[in-house]
């Protein structure tokens, strides 16, 4: 089990969670952030700092965002487990679920 980032993060990417993560497992895509399921240590430090309440423990994900369970894991299919988001920087793609979300403007 792990934490994941759901739809409220799309086009927001506040990054407070990135700063709080002790193991650097939150990666940045074009429109959203993603938690690496193999690198996350389930500490939960990211969840309370998310200003849009987009982070959930896998089993607690609201049903309307259930697809984000797979999206967070599948985002890393090509990337593998690089062992830290900081060295990766912006990954110039998103999972198709995220890419297909309507663009949110400020």
Protein backbone atom coordinates (compact mmCIF):
# COMPACT_ATOMS: atom_id res chain seq x y z
CA UNK A 1 0.00 0.00 0.00
CA UNK A 2 1.08 3.56 -0.62
CA UNK A 3 -0.16 7.10 -0.93
CA UNK A 4 -1.30 8.56 -4.23
CA UNK A 5 -2.16 11.94 -5.70
CA UNK A 6 -5.60 12.37 -7.27
CA UNK A 7 -7.49 14.79 -9.52
CA UNK A 8 -7.42 17.91 -7.29
CA UNK A 9 -3.68 18.23 -8.02
CA UNK A 10 -4.13 18.45 -11.79
CA UNK A 11 -3.00 21.89 -12.98
CA UNK A 12 -2.27 22.98 -9.37
CA UNK A 13 1.02 21.23 -8.45
CA UNK A 14 1.47 23.20 -5.21
CA UNK A 15 4.61 21.18 -4.29
CA UNK A 16 4.21 21.54 -0.50
CA UNK A 17 4.11 17.74 -0.47
CA UNK A 18 7.43 17.57 -2.34
CA UNK A 19 9.10 19.73 0.27
CA UNK A 20 7.68 17.59 3.10
CA UNK A 21 8.55 14.17 1.65
CA UNK A 22 11.54 12.68 3.51
CA UNK A 23 12.38 10.17 0.76
CA UNK A 24 12.00 12.35 -2.38
CA UNK A 25 9.38 10.06 -3.98
CA UNK A 26 7.02 12.70 -5.41
CA UNK A 27 7.71 13.28 -9.09
CA UNK A 28 6.49 16.12 -11.27
CA UNK A 29 4.70 15.51 -14.56
CA UNK A 30 3.44 18.19 -16.94
CA UNK A 31 0.12 18.77 -15.16
CA UNK A 32 0.27 16.81 -11.90
CA UNK A 33 2.50 15.29 -9.26
CA UNK A 34 2.88 11.53 -8.81
CA UNK A 35 3.97 9.42 -5.83
CA UNK A 36 6.26 6.54 -6.74
CA UNK A 37 4.66 3.43 -5.20
CA UNK A 38 7.96 1.59 -4.71
CA UNK A 39 9.83 4.55 -3.22
CA UNK A 40 7.08 5.79 -0.86
CA UNK A 41 7.63 4.67 2.73
CA UNK A 42 4.02 5.37 3.77
CA UNK A 43 4.98 7.98 6.34
CA UNK A 44 2.00 10.19 5.47
CA UNK A 45 3.92 13.45 5.82
CA UNK A 46 2.67 14.66 2.44
CA UNK A 47 -1.04 14.27 3.08
CA UNK A 48 -1.72 17.00 5.66
CA UNK A 49 0.29 19.68 3.81
CA UNK A 50 -1.59 19.36 0.52
CA UNK A 51 -3.66 22.55 0.18
CA UNK A 52 -6.13 20.96 -2.26
CA UNK A 53 -6.50 17.65 -0.37
CA UNK A 54 -5.38 15.58 -3.36
CA UNK A 55 -3.30 13.01 -1.44
CA UNK A 56 -4.88 9.81 -0.17
CA UNK A 57 -3.79 6.55 1.34
CA UNK A 58 -4.46 4.05 -1.44
CA UNK A 59 -7.38 2.32 0.31
CA UNK A 60 -8.96 5.67 1.27
CA UNK A 61 -9.16 7.12 -2.23
CA UNK A 62 -12.66 8.46 -2.96
CA UNK A 63 -14.49 6.29 -5.53
CA UNK A 64 -14.66 9.11 -8.09
CA UNK A 65 -10.87 9.18 -8.22
CA UNK A 66 -10.23 5.42 -8.08
CA UNK A 67 -8.53 5.56 -11.49
CA UNK A 68 -5.71 7.56 -9.95
CA UNK A 69 -4.54 4.45 -8.08
CA UNK A 70 -3.42 2.92 -11.38
CA UNK A 71 -2.38 6.27 -12.87
CA UNK A 72 0.16 6.91 -10.10
CA UNK A 73 1.72 3.46 -10.54
CA UNK A 74 1.58 3.38 -14.36
CA UNK A 75 3.24 6.80 -14.63
CA UNK A 76 6.46 5.02 -13.60
CA UNK A 77 6.23 2.11 -16.07
CA UNK A 78 8.73 3.75 -18.46
CA UNK A 79 10.72 5.60 -15.81
CA UNK A 80 11.28 2.70 -13.46
CA UNK A 81 12.56 3.51 -9.99
CA UNK A 82 15.22 6.20 -10.32
CA UNK A 83 15.59 6.55 -6.56
CA UNK A 84 14.61 10.16 -6.12
CA UNK A 85 12.56 12.82 -7.82
CA UNK A 86 14.96 15.70 -7.25
CA UNK A 87 17.46 14.51 -9.83
CA UNK A 88 14.72 13.94 -12.42
CA UNK A 89 13.19 17.40 -12.51
CA UNK A 90 10.09 17.89 -14.62
CA UNK A 91 9.10 14.76 -16.51
CA UNK A 92 7.64 16.03 -19.76
CA UNK A 93 4.53 13.82 -19.84
CA UNK A 94 1.54 12.75 -17.81
CA UNK A 95 -0.48 9.60 -17.40
CA UNK A 96 -3.31 9.54 -20.01
CA UNK A 97 -5.90 9.93 -17.24
CA UNK A 98 -4.30 13.20 -16.16
CA UNK A 99 -3.63 14.36 -19.71
CA UNK A 100 -7.30 13.85 -20.51
CA UNK A 101 -8.60 16.00 -17.66
CA UNK A 102 -10.07 19.37 -18.66
CA UNK A 103 -7.52 22.14 -18.27
CA UNK A 104 -8.06 24.07 -15.06
CA UNK A 105 -7.31 27.79 -15.21
CA UNK A 106 -6.62 30.02 -12.24
